Amino acid sequence: MFKFLIITGLVLYLVYKLGSFFFKAGAAAQQLRNQQQKKTFEGDENQKRKGDSKPGEYIDYEEVK
């Protein structure tokens, strides 16, 4: 009976440690993914601002028939 309690305790401890390890790894991956998305969004926003044409600028065009 005592042997069963020790084995059960060790198994539960290992499950706890493995669960916390995977939780930390998942949280770190999610944080990295969020940072990459934020950089991508900011990069797109900056590219739109740095365009050659200014808002309201007249652009000459030719009609194509």
C-alpha atoms as a PDB file:
ATOM      1  CA  MET A   1       0.000   0.000   0.000  1.00  0.00           C
ATOM      2  CA  PHE A   2       2.799   2.405   0.879  1.00  0.00           C
ATOM      3  CA  LYS A   3       4.544   1.570  -2.406  1.00  0.00           C
ATOM      4  CA  PHE A   4       1.329   2.408  -4.311  1.00  0.00           C
ATOM      5  CA  LEU A   5       1.100   5.828  -2.619  1.00  0.00           C
ATOM      6  CA  ILE A   6       4.732   6.653  -3.426  1.00  0.00           C
ATOM      7  CA  ILE A   7       4.321   5.657  -7.097  1.00  0.00           C
ATOM      8  CA  THR A   8       1.066   7.607  -7.373  1.00  0.00           C
ATOM      9  CA  GLY A   9       2.691  10.653  -5.809  1.00  0.00           C
ATOM     10  CA  LEU A  10       5.656  10.459  -8.180  1.00  0.00           C
ATOM     11  CA  VAL A  11       3.396  10.079 -11.216  1.00  0.00           C
ATOM     12  CA  LEU A  12       1.283  13.063 -10.171  1.00  0.00           C
ATOM     13  CA  TYR A  13       4.433  15.130  -9.567  1.00  0.00           C
ATOM     14  CA  LEU A  14       5.776  14.241 -13.026  1.00  0.00           C
ATOM     15  CA  VAL A  15       2.450  15.130 -14.651  1.00  0.00           C
ATOM     16  CA  TYR A  16       2.489  18.445 -12.800  1.00  0.00           C
ATOM     17  CA  LYS A  17       6.048  19.254 -13.901  1.00  0.00           C
ATOM     18  CA  LEU A  18       5.454  18.226 -17.520  1.00  0.00           C
ATOM     19  CA  GLY A  19       2.210  20.207 -17.623  1.00  0.00           C
ATOM     20  CA  SER A  20       3.889  23.343 -16.328  1.00  0.00           C
ATOM     21  CA  PHE A  21       6.743  22.869 -18.838  1.00  0.00           C
ATOM     22  CA  PHE A  22       4.347  22.599 -21.785  1.00  0.00           C
ATOM     23  CA  PHE A  23       2.268  25.498 -20.490  1.00  0.00           C
ATOM     24  CA  LYS A  24       5.353  27.735 -20.308  1.00  0.00           C
ATOM     25  CA  ALA A  25       6.469  26.637 -23.778  1.00  0.00           C
ATOM     26  CA  GLY A  26       3.008  27.369 -25.186  1.00  0.00           C
ATOM     27  CA  ALA A  27       2.860  30.764 -23.510  1.00  0.00           C
ATOM     28  CA  ALA A  28       6.300  31.683 -24.851  1.00  0.00           C
ATOM     29  CA  ALA A  29       5.309  30.612 -28.369  1.00  0.00           C
ATOM     30  CA  GLN A  30       2.105  32.635 -28.172  1.00  0.00           C
ATOM     31  CA  GLN A  31       3.992  35.705 -26.965  1.00  0.00           C
ATOM     32  CA  LEU A  32       6.498  35.353 -29.822  1.00  0.00           C
ATOM     33  CA  ARG A  33       3.653  34.987 -32.328  1.00  0.00           C
ATOM     34  CA  ASN A  34       1.947  38.122 -30.959  1.00  0.00           C
ATOM     35  CA  GLN A  35       5.174  40.127 -31.218  1.00  0.00           C
ATOM     36  CA  GLN A  36       5.664  39.032 -34.828  1.00  0.00           C
ATOM     37  CA  GLN A  37       2.092  39.976 -35.715  1.00  0.00           C
ATOM     38  CA  LYS A  38       2.532  43.356 -34.043  1.00  0.00           C
ATOM     39  CA  LYS A  39       5.732  44.017 -36.026  1.00  0.00           C
ATOM     40  CA  THR A  40       4.018  42.988 -39.251  1.00  0.00           C
ATOM     41  CA  PHE A  41       1.072  45.278 -38.550  1.00  0.00           C
ATOM     42  CA  GLU A  42       3.331  48.208 -37.687  1.00  0.00           C
ATOM     43  CA  GLY A  43       5.440  47.530 -40.788  1.00  0.00           C
ATOM     44  CA  ASP A  44       2.369  47.599 -43.046  1.00  0.00           C
ATOM     45  CA  GLU A  45       1.203  50.811 -41.429  1.00  0.00           C
ATOM     46  CA  ASN A  46       4.601  52.474 -41.916  1.00  0.00           C
ATOM     47  CA  GLN A  47       4.786  51.413 -45.561  1.00  0.00           C
ATOM     48  CA  LYS A  48       1.432  53.021 -46.266  1.00  0.00           C
ATOM     49  CA  ARG A  49       2.598  56.278 -44.739  1.00  0.00           C
ATOM     50  CA  LYS A  50       5.858  56.377 -46.688  1.00  0.00           C
ATOM     51  CA  GLY A  51       4.208  56.143 -50.115  1.00  0.00           C
ATOM     52  CA  ASP A  52       5.354  58.385 -52.993  1.00  0.00           C
ATOM     53  CA  SER A  53       1.950  59.894 -53.671  1.00  0.00           C
ATOM     54  CA  LYS A  54       0.393  62.333 -51.267  1.00  0.00           C
ATOM     55  CA  PRO A  55      -3.314  62.303 -50.482  1.00  0.00           C
ATOM     56  CA  GLY A  56      -5.211  64.587 -52.830  1.00  0.00           C
ATOM     57  CA  GLU A  57      -2.371  64.771 -55.346  1.00  0.00           C
ATOM     58  CA  TYR A  58      -3.538  64.986 -58.985  1.00  0.00           C
ATOM     59  CA  ILE A  59      -2.507  62.020 -61.133  1.00  0.00           C
ATOM     60  CA  ASP A  60      -2.658  62.480 -64.904  1.00  0.00           C
ATOM     61  CA  TYR A  61      -4.170  59.563 -66.801  1.00  0.00           C
ATOM     62  CA  GLU A  62      -5.076  58.552 -70.335  1.00  0.00           C
ATOM     63  CA  GLU A  63      -8.323  56.857 -71.302  1.00  0.00           C
ATOM     64  CA  VAL A  64      -7.913  53.397 -72.728  1.00  0.00           C
ATOM     65  CA  LYS A  65     -10.579  52.246 -75.181  1.00  0.00           C
END
